Amino acid sequence: MPATALPTATVTTTAGIDITTMTAVDAANGNSFRNDGRKLLVVKNGGGSSINVTVDAYPTGSTLAPPDGLAVTDRVVAVAAGATKVIGPFAPGLYNDAAGNTTVAFSSGTSVTATVLEVLHA
């Protein structure tokens, strides 16, 4: 199955926004979001064990290839039990597929929620 889209909240003020509305992650199929280089992934691990969040670099269908034939690995970020992490931003040329989406996978979906923040330029 295709990755499940994550909702995006837009940050339009320096006063901050409430990011308590998070979506359960899809550990079986992964999640994706439209990426323009101004997106941040917020992951909350409410589980009892650390998890890994893997951001797919040079995904299948990408129109770009790694530079000079160099091996490029996916970005893996650990999120400790009970922690919330903000991950990104993501360079579109490195993390987007041909449709302009970035895909993330989660080592576990138990009590793990996420959302995407879009940061608008001032």
PDB file of N, CA and C in Angstrom:
ATOM      1  N   MET A   1       0.837  -1.184   0.000  1.00  0.00           N
ATOM      2  CA  MET A   1       0.000   0.000   0.000  1.00  0.00           C
ATOM      3  C   MET A   1       0.879   1.244   0.000  1.00  0.00           C
ATOM      4  N   PRO A   2       0.358   2.338  -0.537  1.00  0.00           N
ATOM      5  CA  PRO A   2       1.138   3.577  -0.506  1.00  0.00           C
ATOM      6  C   PRO A   2       1.216   4.136   0.910  1.00  0.00           C
ATOM      7  N   ALA A   3       2.204   4.983   1.115  1.00  0.00           N
ATOM      8  CA  ALA A   3       2.366   5.632   2.416  1.00  0.00           C
ATOM      9  C   ALA A   3       1.157   6.522   2.705  1.00  0.00           C
ATOM     10  N   THR A   4       0.805   6.633   3.963  1.00  0.00           N
ATOM     11  CA  THR A   4      -0.332   7.444   4.396  1.00  0.00           C
ATOM     12  C   THR A   4       0.108   8.895   4.570  1.00  0.00           C
ATOM     13  N   ALA A   5      -0.646   9.814   4.004  1.00  0.00           N
ATOM     14  CA  ALA A   5      -0.297  11.239   4.090  1.00  0.00           C
ATOM     15  C   ALA A   5      -0.471  11.756   5.511  1.00  0.00           C
ATOM     16  N   LEU A   6       0.470  12.581   5.936  1.00  0.00           N
ATOM     17  CA  LEU A   6       0.382  13.242   7.234  1.00  0.00           C
ATOM     18  C   LEU A   6      -0.214  14.634   7.052  1.00  0.00           C
ATOM     19  N   PRO A   7      -0.980  15.124   8.036  1.00  0.00           N
ATOM     20  CA  PRO A   7      -1.512  16.480   7.938  1.00  0.00           C
ATOM     21  C   PRO A   7      -0.397  17.517   8.124  1.00  0.00           C
ATOM     22  N   THR A   8      -0.611  18.694   7.561  1.00  0.00           N
ATOM     23  CA  THR A   8       0.361  19.780   7.670  1.00  0.00           C
ATOM     24  C   THR A   8      -0.298  20.987   8.315  1.00  0.00           C
ATOM     25  N   ALA A   9       0.359  21.544   9.317  1.00  0.00           N
ATOM     26  CA  ALA A   9      -0.082  22.792   9.944  1.00  0.00           C
ATOM     27  C   ALA A   9       0.878  23.886   9.506  1.00  0.00           C
ATOM     28  N   THR A  10       0.343  25.053   9.186  1.00  0.00           N
ATOM     29  CA  THR A  10       1.180  26.159   8.715  1.00  0.00           C
ATOM     30  C   THR A  10       1.477  27.115   9.854  1.00  0.00           C
ATOM     31  N   VAL A  11       2.764  27.426  10.034  1.00  0.00           N
ATOM     32  CA  VAL A  11       3.199  28.379  11.055  1.00  0.00           C
ATOM     33  C   VAL A  11       3.221  29.753  10.394  1.00  0.00           C
ATOM     34  N   THR A  12       2.287  30.620  10.803  1.00  0.00           N
ATOM     35  CA  THR A  12       2.165  31.934  10.172  1.00  0.00           C
ATOM     36  C   THR A  12       2.433  33.083  11.136  1.00  0.00           C
ATOM     37  N   THR A  13       2.757  32.762  12.375  1.00  0.00           N
ATOM     38  CA  THR A  13       2.934  33.802  13.373  1.00  0.00           C
ATOM     39  C   THR A  13       4.107  33.472  14.286  1.00  0.00           C
ATOM     40  N   THR A  14       4.750  34.485  14.792  1.00  0.00           N
ATOM     41  CA  THR A  14       5.837  34.273  15.749  1.00  0.00           C
ATOM     42  C   THR A  14       5.296  33.955  17.137  1.00  0.00           C
ATOM     43  N   ALA A  15       3.976  34.051  17.312  1.00  0.00           N
ATOM     44  CA  ALA A  15       3.357  33.735  18.601  1.00  0.00           C
ATOM     45  C   ALA A  15       3.280  32.233  18.838  1.00  0.00           C
ATOM     46  N   GLY A  16       3.556  31.436  17.785  1.00  0.00           N
ATOM     47  CA  GLY A  16       3.545  29.989  17.930  1.00  0.00           C
ATOM     48  C   GLY A  16       2.195  29.389  17.586  1.00  0.00           C
ATOM     49  N   ILE A  17       2.187  28.068  17.446  1.00  0.00           N
ATOM     50  CA  ILE A  17       0.949  27.349  17.174  1.00  0.00           C
ATOM     51  C   ILE A  17       0.860  26.152  18.103  1.00  0.00           C
ATOM     52  N   ASP A  18      -0.348  25.671  18.289  1.00  0.00           N
ATOM     53  CA  ASP A  18      -0.595  24.507  19.124  1.00  0.00           C
ATOM     54  C   ASP A  18      -0.413  23.257  18.271  1.00  0.00           C
ATOM     55  N   ILE A  19       0.519  22.400  18.635  1.00  0.00           N
ATOM     56  CA  ILE A  19       0.735  21.176  17.865  1.00  0.00           C
ATOM     57  C   ILE A  19       0.304  19.936  18.652  1.00  0.00           C
ATOM     58  N   THR A  20      -0.713  20.111  19.474  1.00  0.00           N
ATOM     59  CA  THR A  20      -1.197  18.967  20.247  1.00  0.00           C
ATOM     60  C   THR A  20      -2.020  18.018  19.385  1.00  0.00           C
ATOM     61  N   THR A  21      -2.495  18.471  18.226  1.00  0.00           N
ATOM     62  CA  THR A  21      -3.244  17.601  17.325  1.00  0.00           C
ATOM     63  C   THR A  21      -2.256  16.846  16.451  1.00  0.00           C
ATOM     64  N   MET A  22      -2.059  15.595  16.776  1.00  0.00           N
ATOM     65  CA  MET A  22      -1.112  14.742  16.061  1.00  0.00           C
ATOM     66  C   MET A  22      -1.887  13.528  15.534  1.00  0.00           C
ATOM     67  N   THR A  23      -1.335  12.887  14.501  1.00  0.00           N
ATOM     68  CA  THR A  23      -1.966  11.730  13.863  1.00  0.00           C
ATOM     69  C   THR A  23      -1.159  10.473  14.162  1.00  0.00           C
ATOM     70  N   ALA A  24      -1.839   9.370  14.427  1.00  0.00           N
ATOM     71  CA  ALA A  24      -1.147   8.097  14.626  1.00  0.00           C
ATOM     72  C   ALA A  24      -0.370   7.756  13.357  1.00  0.00           C
ATOM     73  N   VAL A  25       0.876   7.310  13.510  1.00  0.00           N
ATOM     74  CA  VAL A  25       1.690   6.969  12.345  1.00  0.00           C
ATOM     75  C   VAL A  25       1.279   5.617  11.783  1.00  0.00           C
ATOM     76  N   ASP A  26       1.610   5.405  10.520  1.00  0.00           N
ATOM     77  CA  ASP A  26       1.320   4.148   9.835  1.00  0.00           C
ATOM     78  C   ASP A  26       2.631   3.362   9.745  1.00  0.00           C
ATOM     79  N   ALA A  27       2.910   2.563  10.786  1.00  0.00           N
ATOM     80  CA  ALA A  27       4.176   1.824  10.832  1.00  0.00           C
ATOM     81  C   ALA A  27       4.248   0.756   9.744  1.00  0.00           C
ATOM     82  N   ALA A  28       3.108   0.251   9.302  1.00  0.00           N
ATOM     83  CA  ALA A  28       3.105  -0.811   8.293  1.00  0.00           C
ATOM     84  C   ALA A  28       3.457  -0.275   6.899  1.00  0.00           C
ATOM     85  N   ASN A  29       2.937   0.905   6.531  1.00  0.00           N
ATOM     86  CA  ASN A  29       3.112   1.436   5.180  1.00  0.00           C
ATOM     87  C   ASN A  29       3.961   2.697   5.120  1.00  0.00           C
ATOM     88  N   GLY A  30       4.259   3.291   6.273  1.00  0.00           N
ATOM     89  CA  GLY A  30       4.988   4.553   6.290  1.00  0.00           C
ATOM     90  C   GLY A  30       4.036   5.719   6.099  1.00  0.00           C
ATOM     91  N   ASN A  31       4.592   6.905   6.200  1.00  0.00           N
ATOM     92  CA  ASN A  31       3.834   8.134   6.002  1.00  0.00           C
ATOM     93  C   ASN A  31       4.563   9.007   5.000  1.00  0.00           C
ATOM     94  N   SER A  32       3.831   9.936   4.423  1.00  0.00           N
ATOM     95  CA  SER A  32       4.450  10.854   3.473  1.00  0.00           C
ATOM     96  C   SER A  32       3.854  12.241   3.645  1.00  0.00           C
ATOM     97  N   PHE A  33       4.543  13.215   3.084  1.00  0.00           N
ATOM     98  CA  PHE A  33       4.032  14.584   3.087  1.00  0.00           C
ATOM     99  C   PHE A  33       4.623  15.337   1.904  1.00  0.00           C
ATOM    100  N   ARG A  34       3.866  16.309   1.428  1.00  0.00           N
ATOM    101  CA  ARG A  34       4.314  17.164   0.337  1.00  0.00           C
ATOM    102  C   ARG A  34       5.439  18.025   0.894  1.00  0.00           C
ATOM    103  N   ASN A  35       6.581  18.052   0.198  1.00  0.00           N
ATOM    104  CA  ASN A  35       7.754  18.734   0.733  1.00  0.00           C
ATOM    105  C   ASN A  35       8.268  19.799  -0.235  1.00  0.00           C
ATOM    106  N   ASP A  36       8.414  21.005   0.279  1.00  0.00           N
ATOM    107  CA  ASP A  36       8.965  22.101  -0.511  1.00  0.00           C
ATOM    108  C   ASP A  36      10.242  22.663   0.117  1.00  0.00           C
ATOM    109  N   GLY A  37      10.783  21.937   1.089  1.00  0.00           N
ATOM    110  CA  GLY A  37      12.002  22.381   1.761  1.00  0.00           C
ATOM    111  C   GLY A  37      11.739  23.223   2.997  1.00  0.00           C
ATOM    112  N   ARG A  38      10.468  23.520   3.272  1.00  0.00           N
ATOM    113  CA  ARG A  38      10.119  24.322   4.455  1.00  0.00           C
ATOM    114  C   ARG A  38       9.277  23.522   5.437  1.00  0.00           C
ATOM    115  N   LYS A  39       9.374  22.215   5.372  1.00  0.00           N
ATOM    116  CA  LYS A  39       8.561  21.359   6.238  1.00  0.00           C
ATOM    117  C   LYS A  39       9.416  20.769   7.355  1.00  0.00           C
ATOM    118  N   LEU A  40       8.813  20.656   8.524  1.00  0.00           N
ATOM    119  CA  LEU A  40       9.429  20.024   9.684  1.00  0.00           C
ATOM    120  C   LEU A  40       8.507  18.903  10.139  1.00  0.00           C
ATOM    121  N   LEU A  41       9.071  17.755  10.425  1.00  0.00           N
ATOM    122  CA  LEU A  41       8.316  16.611  10.912  1.00  0.00           C
ATOM    123  C   LEU A  41       8.399  16.594  12.435  1.00  0.00           C
ATOM    124  N   VAL A  42       7.251  16.563  13.095  1.00  0.00           N
ATOM    125  CA  VAL A  42       7.192  16.493  14.560  1.00  0.00           C
ATOM    126  C   VAL A  42       6.720  15.095  14.925  1.00  0.00           C
ATOM    127  N   VAL A  43       7.537  14.376  15.697  1.00  0.00           N
ATOM    128  CA  VAL A  43       7.221  13.001  16.086  1.00  0.00           C
ATOM    129  C   VAL A  43       7.173  12.918  17.610  1.00  0.00           C
ATOM    130  N   LYS A  44       6.067  12.388  18.122  1.00  0.00           N
ATOM    131  CA  LYS A  44       5.910  12.192  19.569  1.00  0.00           C
ATOM    132  C   LYS A  44       5.845  10.702  19.834  1.00  0.00           C
ATOM    133  N   ASN A  45       6.782  10.218  20.643  1.00  0.00           N
ATOM    134  CA  ASN A  45       6.835   8.807  20.995  1.00  0.00           C
ATOM    135  C   ASN A  45       6.252   8.631  22.390  1.00  0.00           C
ATOM    136  N   GLY A  46       4.990   8.220  22.443  1.00  0.00           N
ATOM    137  CA  GLY A  46       4.337   7.988  23.724  1.00  0.00           C
ATOM    138  C   GLY A  46       4.543   6.576  24.238  1.00  0.00           C
ATOM    139  N   GLY A  47       5.332   5.777  23.511  1.00  0.00           N
ATOM    140  CA  GLY A  47       5.584   4.391  23.894  1.00  0.00           C
ATOM    141  C   GLY A  47       6.659   4.263  24.953  1.00  0.00           C
ATOM    142  N   GLY A  48       6.887   3.037  25.374  1.00  0.00           N
ATOM    143  CA  GLY A  48       7.842   2.758  26.439  1.00  0.00           C
ATOM    144  C   GLY A  48       9.250   2.450  25.961  1.00  0.00           C
ATOM    145  N   SER A  49       9.467   2.449  24.625  1.00  0.00           N
ATOM    146  CA  SER A  49      10.788   2.149  24.072  1.00  0.00           C
ATOM    147  C   SER A  49      11.148   3.179  23.014  1.00  0.00           C
ATOM    148  N   SER A  50      12.432   3.356  22.805  1.00  0.00           N
ATOM    149  CA  SER A  50      12.915   4.253  21.759  1.00  0.00           C
ATOM    150  C   SER A  50      12.497   3.713  20.387  1.00  0.00           C
ATOM    151  N   ILE A  51      12.253   4.610  19.440  1.00  0.00           N
ATOM    152  CA  ILE A  51      11.939   4.216  18.069  1.00  0.00           C
ATOM    153  C   ILE A  51      12.907   4.909  17.114  1.00  0.00           C
ATOM    154  N   ASN A  52      12.968   4.412  15.895  1.00  0.00           N
ATOM    155  CA  ASN A  52      13.721   5.075  14.833  1.00  0.00           C
ATOM    156  C   ASN A  52      12.766   5.594  13.777  1.00  0.00           C
ATOM    157  N   VAL A  53      13.022   6.810  13.332  1.00  0.00           N
ATOM    158  CA  VAL A  53      12.298   7.415  12.227  1.00  0.00           C
ATOM    159  C   VAL A  53      13.270   7.453  11.063  1.00  0.00           C
ATOM    160  N   THR A  54      12.898   6.849   9.935  1.00  0.00           N
ATOM    161  CA  THR A  54      13.774   6.778   8.764  1.00  0.00           C
ATOM    162  C   THR A  54      13.182   7.621   7.649  1.00  0.00           C
ATOM    163  N   VAL A  55      13.957   8.621   7.206  1.00  0.00           N
ATOM    164  CA  VAL A  55      13.536   9.487   6.108  1.00  0.00           C
ATOM    165  C   VAL A  55      14.224   8.979   4.851  1.00  0.00           C
ATOM    166  N   ASP A  56      13.426   8.638   3.848  1.00  0.00           N
ATOM    167  CA  ASP A  56      13.917   8.015   2.620  1.00  0.00           C
ATOM    168  C   ASP A  56      14.691   9.022   1.759  1.00  0.00           C
ATOM    169  N   ALA A  57      15.994   8.782   1.595  1.00  0.00           N
ATOM    170  CA  ALA A  57      16.826   9.629   0.731  1.00  0.00           C
ATOM    171  C   ALA A  57      16.891   9.029  -0.667  1.00  0.00           C
ATOM    172  N   TYR A  58      16.820   9.874  -1.683  1.00  0.00           N
ATOM    173  CA  TYR A  58      16.808   9.442  -3.085  1.00  0.00           C
ATOM    174  C   TYR A  58      15.835   8.289  -3.281  1.00  0.00           C
ATOM    175  N   PRO A  59      14.541   8.542  -2.997  1.00  0.00           N
ATOM    176  CA  PRO A  59      13.549   7.470  -3.072  1.00  0.00           C
ATOM    177  C   PRO A  59      13.325   6.969  -4.493  1.00  0.00           C
ATOM    178  N   THR A  60      12.725   5.794  -4.592  1.00  0.00           N
ATOM    179  CA  THR A  60      12.346   5.245  -5.886  1.00  0.00           C
ATOM    180  C   THR A  60      11.450   6.253  -6.586  1.00  0.00           C
ATOM    181  N   GLY A  61      11.729   6.515  -7.851  1.00  0.00           N
ATOM    182  CA  GLY A  61      10.942   7.484  -8.594  1.00  0.00           C
ATOM    183  C   GLY A  61      11.515   8.879  -8.552  1.00  0.00           C
ATOM    184  N   SER A  62      12.577   9.079  -7.772  1.00  0.00           N
ATOM    185  CA  SER A  62      13.222  10.386  -7.728  1.00  0.00           C
ATOM    186  C   SER A  62      13.813  10.697  -9.092  1.00  0.00           C
ATOM    187  N   THR A  63      13.759  11.950  -9.480  1.00  0.00           N
ATOM    188  CA  THR A  63      14.315  12.353 -10.775  1.00  0.00           C
ATOM    189  C   THR A  63      15.804  12.648 -10.679  1.00  0.00           C
ATOM    190  N   LEU A  64      16.350  12.596  -9.481  1.00  0.00           N
ATOM    191  CA  LEU A  64      17.767  12.878  -9.273  1.00  0.00           C
ATOM    192  C   LEU A  64      18.502  11.613  -8.845  1.00  0.00           C
ATOM    193  N   ALA A  65      19.784  11.598  -9.089  1.00  0.00           N
ATOM    194  CA  ALA A  65      20.634  10.497  -8.650  1.00  0.00           C
ATOM    195  C   ALA A  65      21.659  11.055  -7.667  1.00  0.00           C
ATOM    196  N   PRO A  66      22.168  10.220  -6.774  1.00  0.00           N
ATOM    197  CA  PRO A  66      23.198  10.695  -5.858  1.00  0.00           C
ATOM    198  C   PRO A  66      24.387  11.268  -6.634  1.00  0.00           C
ATOM    199  N   PRO A  67      25.015  12.302  -6.101  1.00  0.00           N
ATOM    200  CA  PRO A  67      26.112  12.963  -6.809  1.00  0.00           C
ATOM    201  C   PRO A  67      27.323  12.060  -7.004  1.00  0.00           C
ATOM    202  N   ASP A  68      27.872  12.103  -8.189  1.00  0.00           N
ATOM    203  CA  ASP A  68      29.136  11.435  -8.515  1.00  0.00           C
ATOM    204  C   ASP A  68      29.143   9.952  -8.146  1.00  0.00           C
ATOM    205  N   GLY A  69      27.962   9.325  -8.166  1.00  0.00           N
ATOM    206  CA  GLY A  69      27.882   7.906  -7.866  1.00  0.00           C
ATOM    207  C   GLY A  69      28.110   7.558  -6.405  1.00  0.00           C
ATOM    208  N   LEU A  70      28.114   8.561  -5.532  1.00  0.00           N
ATOM    209  CA  LEU A  70      28.356   8.315  -4.112  1.00  0.00           C
ATOM    210  C   LEU A  70      27.149   7.633  -3.466  1.00  0.00           C
ATOM    211  N   ALA A  71      27.418   6.800  -2.502  1.00  0.00           N
ATOM    212  CA  ALA A  71      26.341   6.155  -1.758  1.00  0.00           C
ATOM    213  C   ALA A  71      25.740   7.155  -0.777  1.00  0.00           C
ATOM    214  N   VAL A  72      24.440   7.265  -0.779  1.00  0.00           N
ATOM    215  CA  VAL A  72      23.737   8.141   0.145  1.00  0.00           C
ATOM    216  C   VAL A  72      22.784   7.276   0.949  1.00  0.00           C
ATOM    217  N   THR A  73      22.849   7.385   2.257  1.00  0.00           N
ATOM    218  CA  THR A  73      21.995   6.570   3.110  1.00  0.00           C
ATOM    219  C   THR A  73      20.802   7.387   3.593  1.00  0.00           C
ATOM    220  N   ASP A  74      19.760   6.686   3.980  1.00  0.00           N
ATOM    221  CA  ASP A  74      18.583   7.337   4.536  1.00  0.00           C
ATOM    222  C   ASP A  74      18.947   8.010   5.859  1.00  0.00           C
ATOM    223  N   ARG A  75      18.208   9.056   6.207  1.00  0.00           N
ATOM    224  CA  ARG A  75      18.397   9.739   7.489  1.00  0.00           C
ATOM    225  C   ARG A  75      17.616   8.959   8.539  1.00  0.00           C
ATOM    226  N   VAL A  76      18.296   8.501   9.590  1.00  0.00           N
ATOM    227  CA  VAL A  76      17.651   7.768  10.680  1.00  0.00           C
ATOM    228  C   VAL A  76      17.790   8.594  11.951  1.00  0.00           C
ATOM    229  N   VAL A  77      16.654   8.866  12.587  1.00  0.00           N
ATOM    230  CA  VAL A  77      16.632   9.679  13.805  1.00  0.00           C
ATOM    231  C   VAL A  77      15.969   8.882  14.917  1.00  0.00           C
ATOM    232  N   ALA A  78      16.655   8.742  16.036  1.00  0.00           N
ATOM    233  CA  ALA A  78      16.092   8.044  17.194  1.00  0.00           C
ATOM    234  C   ALA A  78      15.219   9.012  17.991  1.00  0.00           C
ATOM    235  N   VAL A  79      14.073   8.517  18.428  1.00  0.00           N
ATOM    236  CA  VAL A  79      13.183   9.292  19.306  1.00  0.00           C
ATOM    237  C   VAL A  79      12.991   8.460  20.566  1.00  0.00           C
ATOM    238  N   ALA A  80      13.498   8.963  21.670  1.00  0.00           N
ATOM    239  CA  ALA A  80      13.464   8.230  22.937  1.00  0.00           C
ATOM    240  C   ALA A  80      12.028   8.041  23.427  1.00  0.00           C
ATOM    241  N   ALA A  81      11.838   7.057  24.277  1.00  0.00           N
ATOM    242  CA  ALA A  81      10.533   6.824  24.894  1.00  0.00           C
ATOM    243  C   ALA A  81      10.073   8.086  25.611  1.00  0.00           C
ATOM    244  N   GLY A  82       8.843   8.500  25.351  1.00  0.00           N
ATOM    245  CA  GLY A  82       8.279   9.673  26.009  1.00  0.00           C
ATOM    246  C   GLY A  82       8.731  11.005  25.440  1.00  0.00           C
ATOM    247  N   ALA A  83       9.548  10.984  24.400  1.00  0.00           N
ATOM    248  CA  ALA A  83      10.106  12.228  23.845  1.00  0.00           C
ATOM    249  C   ALA A  83       9.347  12.696  22.610  1.00  0.00           C
ATOM    250  N   THR A  84       9.516  13.963  22.303  1.00  0.00           N
ATOM    251  CA  THR A  84       9.006  14.568  21.072  1.00  0.00           C
ATOM    252  C   THR A  84      10.190  15.190  20.360  1.00  0.00           C
ATOM    253  N   LYS A  85      10.319  14.926  19.059  1.00  0.00           N
ATOM    254  CA  LYS A  85      11.419  15.479  18.268  1.00  0.00           C
ATOM    255  C   LYS A  85      10.878  16.193  17.051  1.00  0.00           C
ATOM    256  N   VAL A  86      11.569  17.276  16.693  1.00  0.00           N
ATOM    257  CA  VAL A  86      11.304  17.995  15.457  1.00  0.00           C
ATOM    258  C   VAL A  86      12.434  17.638  14.507  1.00  0.00           C
ATOM    259  N   ILE A  87      12.089  17.120  13.323  1.00  0.00           N
ATOM    260  CA  ILE A  87      13.084  16.631  12.367  1.00  0.00           C
ATOM    261  C   ILE A  87      12.923  17.407  11.063  1.00  0.00           C
ATOM    262  N   GLY A  88      14.025  17.832  10.478  1.00  0.00           N
ATOM    263  CA  GLY A  88      13.988  18.563   9.210  1.00  0.00           C
ATOM    264  C   GLY A  88      14.643  19.917   9.374  1.00  0.00           C
ATOM    265  N   PRO A  89      14.560  20.763   8.373  1.00  0.00           N
ATOM    266  CA  PRO A  89      13.830  20.625   7.112  1.00  0.00           C
ATOM    267  C   PRO A  89      14.519  19.636   6.169  1.00  0.00           C
ATOM    268  N   PHE A  90      13.825  19.323   5.076  1.00  0.00           N
ATOM    269  CA  PHE A  90      14.271  18.300   4.142  1.00  0.00           C
ATOM    270  C   PHE A  90      14.510  18.911   2.761  1.00  0.00           C
ATOM    271  N   ALA A  91      15.728  18.794   2.265  1.00  0.00           N
ATOM    272  CA  ALA A  91      16.063  19.317   0.943  1.00  0.00           C
ATOM    273  C   ALA A  91      15.294  18.520  -0.109  1.00  0.00           C
ATOM    274  N   PRO A  92      14.443  19.179  -0.916  1.00  0.00           N
ATOM    275  CA  PRO A  92      13.640  18.447  -1.898  1.00  0.00           C
ATOM    276  C   PRO A  92      14.467  17.598  -2.859  1.00  0.00           C
ATOM    277  N   GLY A  93      15.616  18.077  -3.283  1.00  0.00           N
ATOM    278  CA  GLY A  93      16.445  17.328  -4.219  1.00  0.00           C
ATOM    279  C   GLY A  93      17.009  16.048  -3.644  1.00  0.00           C
ATOM    280  N   LEU A  94      17.011  15.928  -2.329  1.00  0.00           N
ATOM    281  CA  LEU A  94      17.549  14.747  -1.669  1.00  0.00           C
ATOM    282  C   LEU A  94      16.449  13.796  -1.194  1.00  0.00           C
ATOM    283  N   TYR A  95      15.324  14.359  -0.744  1.00  0.00           N
ATOM    284  CA  TYR A  95      14.311  13.543  -0.077  1.00  0.00           C
ATOM    285  C   TYR A  95      12.997  13.381  -0.835  1.00  0.00           C
ATOM    286  N   ASN A  96      12.767  14.119  -1.925  1.00  0.00           N
ATOM    287  CA  ASN A  96      11.484  14.027  -2.618  1.00  0.00           C
ATOM    288  C   ASN A  96      11.468  12.943  -3.677  1.00  0.00           C
ATOM    289  N   ASP A  97      10.295  12.327  -3.828  1.00  0.00           N
ATOM    290  CA  ASP A  97      10.086  11.436  -4.962  1.00  0.00           C
ATOM    291  C   ASP A  97       9.637  12.288  -6.155  1.00  0.00           C
ATOM    292  N   ALA A  98       9.307  11.651  -7.260  1.00  0.00           N
ATOM    293  CA  ALA A  98       8.941  12.378  -8.478  1.00  0.00           C
ATOM    294  C   ALA A  98       7.668  13.208  -8.298  1.00  0.00           C
ATOM    295  N   ALA A  99       6.825  12.858  -7.338  1.00  0.00           N
ATOM    296  CA  ALA A  99       5.584  13.591  -7.097  1.00  0.00           C
ATOM    297  C   ALA A  99       5.763  14.737  -6.100  1.00  0.00           C
ATOM    298  N   GLY A 100       6.989  14.917  -5.582  1.00  0.00           N
ATOM    299  CA  GLY A 100       7.242  15.994  -4.629  1.00  0.00           C
ATOM    300  C   GLY A 100       6.946  15.633  -3.192  1.00  0.00           C
ATOM    301  N   ASN A 101       6.876  14.336  -2.896  1.00  0.00           N
ATOM    302  CA  ASN A 101       6.594  13.879  -1.533  1.00  0.00           C
ATOM    303  C   ASN A 101       7.835  13.298  -0.874  1.00  0.00           C
ATOM    304  N   THR A 102       7.914  13.456   0.432  1.00  0.00           N
ATOM    305  CA  THR A 102       8.956  12.832   1.247  1.00  0.00           C
ATOM    306  C   THR A 102       8.292  11.714   2.038  1.00  0.00           C
ATOM    307  N   THR A 103       8.960  10.560   2.101  1.00  0.00           N
ATOM    308  CA  THR A 103       8.399   9.394   2.786  1.00  0.00           C
ATOM    309  C   THR A 103       9.217   9.072   4.031  1.00  0.00           C
ATOM    310  N   VAL A 104       8.512   8.750   5.117  1.00  0.00           N
ATOM    311  CA  VAL A 104       9.163   8.380   6.362  1.00  0.00           C
ATOM    312  C   VAL A 104       8.614   7.043   6.842  1.00  0.00           C
ATOM    313  N   ALA A 105       9.466   6.276   7.503  1.00  0.00           N
ATOM    314  CA  ALA A 105       9.078   4.995   8.083  1.00  0.00           C
ATOM    315  C   ALA A 105       9.358   5.036   9.578  1.00  0.00           C
ATOM    316  N   PHE A 106       8.621   4.243  10.315  1.00  0.00           N
ATOM    317  CA  PHE A 106       8.743   4.201  11.769  1.00  0.00           C
ATOM    318  C   PHE A 106       9.001   2.767  12.205  1.00  0.00           C
ATOM    319  N   SER A 107       9.968   2.567  13.106  1.00  0.00           N
ATOM    320  CA  SER A 107      10.294   1.214  13.560  1.00  0.00           C
ATOM    321  C   SER A 107       9.168   0.620  14.395  1.00  0.00           C
ATOM    322  N   SER A 108       8.319   1.474  14.944  1.00  0.00           N
ATOM    323  CA  SER A 108       7.149   1.039  15.693  1.00  0.00           C
ATOM    324  C   SER A 108       6.096   2.127  15.585  1.00  0.00           C
ATOM    325  N   GLY A 109       4.843   1.721  15.610  1.00  0.00           N
ATOM    326  CA  GLY A 109       3.759   2.692  15.587  1.00  0.00           C
ATOM    327  C   GLY A 109       2.996   2.731  16.889  1.00  0.00           C
ATOM    328  N   THR A 110       3.435   1.931  17.862  1.00  0.00           N
ATOM    329  CA  THR A 110       2.736   1.858  19.138  1.00  0.00           C
ATOM    330  C   THR A 110       2.880   3.169  19.900  1.00  0.00           C
ATOM    331  N   SER A 111       1.776   3.868  20.078  1.00  0.00           N
ATOM    332  CA  SER A 111       1.730   5.148  20.805  1.00  0.00           C
ATOM    333  C   SER A 111       2.610   6.216  20.167  1.00  0.00           C
ATOM    334  N   VAL A 112       2.803   6.158  18.845  1.00  0.00           N
ATOM    335  CA  VAL A 112       3.616   7.150  18.136  1.00  0.00           C
ATOM    336  C   VAL A 112       2.695   7.986  17.247  1.00  0.00           C
ATOM    337  N   THR A 113       2.808   9.314  17.388  1.00  0.00           N
ATOM    338  CA  THR A 113       2.016  10.233  16.588  1.00  0.00           C
ATOM    339  C   THR A 113       2.943  11.234  15.895  1.00  0.00           C
ATOM    340  N   ALA A 114       2.418  11.851  14.834  1.00  0.00           N
ATOM    341  CA  ALA A 114       3.245  12.799  14.101  1.00  0.00           C
ATOM    342  C   ALA A 114       2.385  13.846  13.410  1.00  0.00           C
ATOM    343  N   THR A 115       2.996  14.940  13.049  1.00  0.00           N
ATOM    344  CA  THR A 115       2.393  15.967  12.210  1.00  0.00           C
ATOM    345  C   THR A 115       3.516  16.672  11.478  1.00  0.00           C
ATOM    346  N   VAL A 116       3.156  17.469  10.504  1.00  0.00           N
ATOM    347  CA  VAL A 116       4.132  18.220   9.722  1.00  0.00           C
ATOM    348  C   VAL A 116       3.842  19.707   9.907  1.00  0.00           C
ATOM    349  N   LEU A 117       4.897  20.475  10.120  1.00  0.00           N
ATOM    350  CA  LEU A 117       4.779  21.918  10.208  1.00  0.00           C
ATOM    351  C   LEU A 117       5.380  22.546   8.967  1.00  0.00           C
ATOM    352  N   GLU A 118       4.681  23.510   8.393  1.00  0.00           N
ATOM    353  CA  GLU A 118       5.210  24.281   7.261  1.00  0.00           C
ATOM    354  C   GLU A 118       5.574  25.649   7.787  1.00  0.00           C
ATOM    355  N   VAL A 119       6.814  26.038   7.618  1.00  0.00           N
ATOM    356  CA  VAL A 119       7.296  27.323   8.091  1.00  0.00           C
ATOM    357  C   VAL A 119       7.295  28.307   6.921  1.00  0.00           C
ATOM    358  N   LEU A 120       6.473  29.337   7.016  1.00  0.00           N
ATOM    359  CA  LEU A 120       6.434  30.355   5.978  1.00  0.00           C
ATOM    360  C   LEU A 120       7.509  31.386   6.233  1.00  0.00           C
ATOM    361  N   HIS A 121       8.084  31.901   5.165  1.00  0.00           N
ATOM    362  CA  HIS A 121       9.110  32.931   5.309  1.00  0.00           C
ATOM    363  C   HIS A 121       8.467  34.231   5.779  1.00  0.00           C
ATOM    364  N   ALA A 122       9.195  34.975   6.592  1.00  0.00           N
ATOM    365  CA  ALA A 122       8.681  36.247   7.114  1.00  0.00           C
ATOM    366  C   ALA A 122       8.675  37.303   6.038  1.00  0.00           C
TER     367      ALA A 122
END
